[in-house]
Amino acid sequence: MRNSGSNFLQWFLFVAIIALTGCANNQQAYQKAFDSQHSLTQNQCAFTQPPESIFKIVKQVFIQQGFTIESADLKSGLVKAVRNMQDKENPEISYNISASADISEVTGSETNVSLASSQQTILHRASTTWWHLLWILPIIPTGTEYQTLVIKEGNITDPGFYADFFNSLRIAVTKYDLAVKAAAAKVAEKAEAEKVAAENAAKIKAETEAKAAAEKVEAERVAAENAEKIKTDAVQIASPDPVAANTQSAAPNQAGESSTEVGETKSVTLDQNVR
């Protein structure tokens, strides 16, 4: 009995020491969370676009890669997204990936993007339940039981994971810049077309107004000439021709003179008869 009690005590002490040692090691691991050796690498990248634009592009990259946006705050520049990814080789394994992206303005012309991610490796098991004969022999299946077990979790430290993200982000930024330039070119082209159209319209309007003014001046000139002609004709009708008037006045005089001459001739003849 004493030997059994001593062995049990030794075993208990051994287990306690192992547990304390494990706790001590875990405590040291947690204390090194901010150690440079445990920090993430290649999880930052700088861009020349403004934070507002990078914020939109980061969300687009997450969605294009199958992530679901959990939260996005433009003011703080923080985007959180999750994705459930199936293992290609083992259908019973899936990965629950959580990612947080921070978009911060470094200078007026530079924006920094930092990414941190963690994952859970999840085991999905499906087992069939049976009806047992005499609680021993399984005979009839009665259903299926599903079990989900997290078999591994922790931060993602692989630099390739972050390199893939930033490569996708660079491609999206390039497409965004091209789209912005194309939109600016289209706006400039539209503005130039509107300017040319306005100039042509102004030119046509000026030519039309000048033509209308010239036609008005010509019409006024013709009207003035016609009015002057009408006035002249009216004056001529109201005032008789002096030559004709002189001719008409001269005719009675000639008639009178002829009568006088006849009278004188007659008186001379009478005088001669009397004699």
Protein backbone atom coordinates (compact mmCIF):
# COMPACT_ATOMS: atom_id res chain seq x y z
CA MET A 1 0.00 0.00 0.00
CA ARG A 2 2.80 2.36 0.86
CA ASN A 3 4.52 1.62 -2.45
CA SER A 4 1.28 2.23 -4.31
CA GLY A 5 0.73 5.52 -2.48
CA SER A 6 4.30 6.57 -3.17
CA ASN A 7 4.05 5.73 -6.84
CA PHE A 8 0.79 7.64 -7.12
CA LEU A 9 2.34 10.64 -5.41
CA GLN A 10 5.32 10.55 -7.74
CA TRP A 11 3.06 10.29 -10.75
CA PHE A 12 0.94 13.20 -9.52
CA LEU A 13 4.03 15.36 -8.96
CA PHE A 14 5.34 14.47 -12.38
CA VAL A 15 2.07 15.45 -14.05
CA ALA A 16 1.96 18.71 -12.06
CA ILE A 17 5.54 19.58 -13.07
CA ILE A 18 4.78 18.88 -16.72
CA ALA A 19 1.67 21.05 -16.52
CA LEU A 20 3.56 23.89 -14.86
CA THR A 21 6.33 23.59 -17.40
CA GLY A 22 3.80 23.75 -20.19
CA CYS A 23 2.17 26.80 -18.67
CA ALA A 24 5.54 28.45 -18.29
CA ASN A 25 6.39 27.72 -21.89
CA ASN A 26 3.01 29.05 -23.06
CA GLN A 27 3.53 32.17 -21.00
CA GLN A 28 6.91 32.69 -22.64
CA ALA A 29 5.34 32.16 -26.08
CA TYR A 30 2.70 34.78 -25.39
CA GLN A 31 5.33 37.16 -24.11
CA LYS A 32 7.12 36.89 -27.46
CA ALA A 33 4.04 37.90 -29.44
CA PHE A 34 5.65 41.27 -30.23
CA ASP A 35 9.11 39.82 -30.74
CA SER A 36 10.60 40.68 -34.13
CA GLN A 37 11.19 36.98 -34.79
CA HIS A 38 7.47 36.29 -34.43
CA SER A 39 6.26 39.30 -36.43
CA LEU A 40 4.68 38.90 -39.83
CA THR A 41 6.76 39.57 -42.91
CA GLN A 42 5.75 40.93 -46.31
CA ASN A 43 2.32 41.83 -44.99
CA GLN A 44 2.60 45.55 -45.85
CA CYS A 45 2.67 47.47 -49.09
CA ALA A 46 2.58 51.15 -50.07
CA PHE A 47 0.54 52.70 -52.90
CA THR A 48 0.44 56.15 -54.43
CA GLN A 49 -3.35 56.31 -54.63
CA PRO A 50 -5.41 58.12 -51.94
CA PRO A 51 -6.81 56.09 -49.01
CA GLU A 52 -10.40 56.41 -50.23
CA SER A 53 -9.55 54.72 -53.52
CA ILE A 54 -7.41 51.99 -51.90
CA PHE A 55 -10.20 51.32 -49.40
CA LYS A 56 -12.64 50.57 -52.23
CA ILE A 57 -10.11 48.43 -54.10
CA VAL A 58 -9.28 46.34 -51.00
CA LYS A 59 -12.96 45.50 -50.56
CA GLN A 60 -13.19 44.54 -54.22
CA VAL A 61 -10.15 42.24 -53.94
CA PHE A 62 -11.62 40.49 -50.91
CA ILE A 63 -14.95 39.92 -52.65
CA GLN A 64 -13.31 38.77 -55.88
CA GLN A 65 -11.34 36.17 -53.91
CA GLY A 66 -14.48 34.77 -52.31
CA PHE A 67 -14.33 36.58 -48.96
CA THR A 68 -17.37 37.96 -47.17
CA ILE A 69 -17.01 41.48 -45.82
CA GLU A 70 -17.84 41.48 -42.12
CA SER A 71 -17.18 45.16 -41.54
CA ALA A 72 -15.69 48.11 -43.40
CA ASP A 73 -15.10 51.51 -41.83
CA LEU A 74 -13.68 54.20 -44.07
CA LYS A 75 -13.01 56.54 -41.16
CA SER A 76 -10.72 54.07 -39.38
CA GLY A 77 -9.56 52.49 -42.64
CA LEU A 78 -10.23 48.95 -41.36
CA VAL A 79 -11.74 46.14 -43.44
CA LYS A 80 -12.53 42.72 -41.94
CA ALA A 81 -13.41 39.74 -44.12
CA VAL A 82 -13.86 35.98 -43.72
CA ARG A 83 -13.82 33.02 -46.09
CA ASN A 84 -14.61 29.35 -45.72
CA MET A 85 -12.35 27.39 -48.06
CA GLN A 86 -12.62 23.68 -48.84
CA ASP A 87 -9.50 21.56 -48.99
CA LYS A 88 -8.99 20.24 -52.52
CA GLU A 89 -7.53 16.90 -51.45
CA ASN A 90 -9.58 16.06 -48.38
CA PRO A 91 -13.33 16.79 -48.53
CA GLU A 92 -13.56 16.43 -44.76
CA ILE A 93 -11.19 19.38 -44.21
CA SER A 94 -12.07 23.06 -44.59
CA TYR A 95 -10.39 26.29 -43.57
CA ASN A 96 -12.06 29.24 -41.92
CA ILE A 97 -9.89 32.26 -42.84
CA SER A 98 -10.23 35.64 -41.14
CA ALA A 99 -8.41 38.67 -42.56
CA SER A 100 -8.08 42.27 -41.38
CA ALA A 101 -6.74 44.99 -43.66
CA ASP A 102 -5.70 48.40 -42.40
CA ILE A 103 -5.55 51.29 -44.90
CA SER A 104 -3.63 54.30 -43.56
CA GLU A 105 -2.42 57.50 -45.17
CA VAL A 106 1.33 57.86 -44.65
CA THR A 107 1.83 61.11 -46.55
CA GLY A 108 -0.26 63.17 -48.87
CA SER A 109 0.78 60.99 -51.81
CA GLU A 110 1.27 57.56 -50.17
CA THR A 111 -1.12 55.04 -48.63
CA ASN A 112 0.01 52.01 -46.64
CA VAL A 113 -1.92 48.73 -46.53
CA SER A 114 -1.28 46.16 -43.78
CA LEU A 115 -2.84 42.71 -43.67
CA ALA A 116 -3.14 40.22 -40.81
CA SER A 117 -4.87 36.84 -41.14
CA SER A 118 -5.66 33.80 -39.06
CA GLN A 119 -7.09 30.41 -39.89
CA GLN A 120 -8.92 27.49 -38.38
CA THR A 121 -8.51 24.02 -39.81
CA ILE A 122 -11.84 22.27 -39.33
CA LEU A 123 -12.54 18.56 -39.57
CA HIS A 124 -16.04 17.58 -40.71
CA ARG A 125 -17.09 14.03 -39.98
CA ALA A 126 -20.30 12.27 -40.89
CA SER A 127 -21.17 9.00 -39.19
CA THR A 128 -24.19 6.76 -39.68
CA THR A 129 -26.27 5.76 -36.69
CA TRP A 130 -27.71 2.23 -36.58
CA TRP A 131 -30.44 0.35 -34.87
CA HIS A 132 -28.79 -2.52 -33.00
CA LEU A 133 -30.21 -5.90 -32.43
CA LEU A 134 -29.94 -6.69 -28.78
CA TRP A 135 -27.79 -3.58 -28.51
CA ILE A 136 -24.99 -5.47 -30.21
CA LEU A 137 -25.47 -5.99 -33.95
CA PRO A 138 -26.11 -2.89 -36.14
CA ILE A 139 -28.88 -3.80 -38.58
CA ILE A 140 -30.91 -0.75 -39.73
CA PRO A 141 -29.42 2.74 -40.34
CA THR A 142 -31.43 5.36 -38.51
CA GLY A 143 -29.67 8.57 -39.47
CA THR A 144 -26.42 10.49 -39.86
CA GLU A 145 -24.50 12.40 -37.25
CA TYR A 146 -22.23 15.30 -38.21
CA GLN A 147 -19.30 16.40 -36.13
CA THR A 148 -17.22 19.55 -36.56
CA LEU A 149 -13.88 19.68 -34.84
CA VAL A 150 -11.23 22.43 -34.95
CA ILE A 151 -7.98 20.53 -35.28
CA LYS A 152 -5.67 23.49 -35.85
CA GLU A 153 -5.81 27.28 -35.60
CA GLY A 154 -3.49 30.25 -35.44
CA ASN A 155 -2.10 33.20 -37.35
CA ILE A 156 -1.08 32.81 -40.96
CA THR A 157 2.63 33.58 -41.15
CA ASP A 158 3.45 32.30 -44.63
CA PRO A 159 4.85 35.27 -46.66
CA GLY A 160 3.43 33.74 -49.83
CA PHE A 161 -0.11 34.20 -48.51
CA TYR A 162 0.42 37.95 -48.14
CA ALA A 163 2.36 38.18 -51.41
CA ASP A 164 -0.64 36.71 -53.26
CA PHE A 165 -2.95 39.26 -51.66
CA PHE A 166 -0.77 42.24 -52.59
CA ASN A 167 -0.22 40.94 -56.11
CA SER A 168 -3.99 40.81 -56.54
CA LEU A 169 -4.23 44.27 -55.01
CA ARG A 170 -1.59 45.70 -57.38
CA ILE A 171 -3.43 44.28 -60.39
CA ALA A 172 -6.70 45.80 -59.16
CA VAL A 173 -4.99 49.16 -58.55
CA THR A 174 -3.56 49.12 -62.08
CA LYS A 175 -7.00 48.40 -63.53
CA TYR A 176 -8.44 51.17 -61.38
CA ASP A 177 -5.87 53.68 -62.66
CA LEU A 178 -6.56 52.69 -66.25
CA ALA A 179 -10.29 53.06 -65.68
CA VAL A 180 -9.80 56.48 -64.09
CA LYS A 181 -7.62 57.63 -67.00
CA ALA A 182 -10.12 56.30 -69.53
CA ALA A 183 -12.96 58.07 -67.73
CA ALA A 184 -10.93 61.29 -67.60
CA ALA A 185 -10.12 60.99 -71.31
CA LYS A 186 -13.79 60.40 -72.09
CA VAL A 187 -14.78 63.44 -70.03
CA ALA A 188 -12.13 65.54 -71.76
CA GLU A 189 -13.27 64.26 -75.16
CA LYS A 190 -16.86 65.06 -74.31
CA ALA A 191 -15.89 68.52 -73.09
CA GLU A 192 -13.91 69.14 -76.29
CA ALA A 193 -16.84 67.96 -78.41
CA GLU A 194 -19.20 70.21 -76.48
CA LYS A 195 -16.76 73.10 -76.91
CA VAL A 196 -16.53 72.55 -80.68
CA ALA A 197 -20.30 72.21 -80.90
CA ALA A 198 -20.75 75.43 -78.91
CA GLU A 199 -18.25 77.24 -81.12
CA ASN A 200 -19.97 75.98 -84.27
CA ALA A 201 -23.35 76.97 -82.89
CA ALA A 202 -22.03 80.41 -81.98
CA LYS A 203 -20.49 80.77 -85.44
CA ILE A 204 -23.71 79.71 -87.16
CA LYS A 205 -25.69 82.05 -84.93
CA ALA A 206 -23.35 84.96 -85.71
CA GLU A 207 -23.53 84.23 -89.43
CA THR A 208 -27.30 83.97 -89.26
CA GLU A 209 -27.59 87.21 -87.32
CA ALA A 210 -25.18 88.98 -89.72
CA LYS A 211 -27.14 87.72 -92.73
CA ALA A 212 -30.43 88.77 -91.13
CA ALA A 213 -28.98 92.21 -90.35
CA ALA A 214 -27.72 92.59 -93.94
CA GLU A 215 -31.08 91.53 -95.32
CA LYS A 216 -32.79 94.00 -92.99
CA VAL A 217 -30.52 96.83 -94.13
CA GLU A 218 -31.13 95.94 -97.78
CA ALA A 219 -34.86 95.75 -97.21
CA GLU A 220 -34.82 99.12 -95.45
CA ARG A 221 -32.81 100.62 -98.35
CA VAL A 222 -35.22 99.26 -100.94
CA ALA A 223 -38.16 100.48 -98.90
CA ALA A 224 -36.59 103.92 -98.61
CA GLU A 225 -35.98 104.05 -102.35
CA ASN A 226 -39.54 102.97 -103.06
CA ALA A 227 -40.88 105.55 -100.63
CA GLU A 228 -38.75 108.27 -102.23
CA LYS A 229 -39.97 107.23 -105.71
CA ILE A 230 -43.58 107.26 -104.58
CA LYS A 231 -43.08 110.70 -103.07
CA THR A 232 -41.49 111.99 -106.27
CA ASP A 233 -44.34 110.60 -108.39
CA ALA A 234 -46.89 112.19 -106.09
CA VAL A 235 -45.17 115.58 -106.38
CA GLN A 236 -45.05 115.30 -110.13
CA ILE A 237 -48.76 114.48 -110.30
CA ALA A 238 -49.64 117.39 -108.00
CA SER A 239 -47.50 119.93 -109.99
CA PRO A 240 -48.29 120.21 -113.84
CA ASP A 241 -45.57 120.40 -116.45
CA PRO A 242 -44.45 124.09 -116.91
CA VAL A 243 -43.81 123.57 -120.66
CA ALA A 244 -47.29 122.22 -121.19
CA ALA A 245 -48.73 125.05 -119.12
CA ASN A 246 -46.85 127.65 -121.20
CA THR A 247 -48.05 125.99 -124.40
CA GLN A 248 -51.64 126.07 -123.19
CA SER A 249 -51.39 129.77 -122.16
CA ALA A 250 -49.76 130.68 -125.44
CA ALA A 251 -52.57 129.18 -127.51
CA PRO A 252 -55.31 131.61 -126.30
CA ASN A 253 -52.95 134.53 -126.86
CA GLN A 254 -52.37 133.45 -130.44
CA ALA A 255 -56.11 133.11 -130.89
CA GLY A 256 -56.62 136.62 -129.50
CA GLU A 257 -53.96 138.05 -131.71
CA SER A 258 -55.54 136.40 -134.74
CA SER A 259 -58.92 137.88 -133.81
CA THR A 260 -57.37 141.31 -133.45
CA GLU A 261 -55.68 141.01 -136.78
CA VAL A 262 -58.96 139.95 -138.39
CA GLY A 263 -60.75 142.85 -136.78
CA GLU A 264 -58.16 145.24 -137.94
CA THR A 265 -58.36 143.82 -141.45
CA LYS A 266 -62.12 144.19 -141.44
CA SER A 267 -61.92 147.81 -140.23
CA VAL A 268 -59.42 148.64 -142.96
CA THR A 269 -61.68 147.15 -145.58
CA LEU A 270 -64.68 149.13 -144.32
CA ASP A 271 -62.69 152.35 -144.39
CA GLN A 272 -61.71 151.69 -147.94
CA ASN A 273 -65.33 151.10 -148.90
CA VAL A 274 -66.45 154.26 -147.31
CA ARG A 275 -63.96 156.14 -149.24
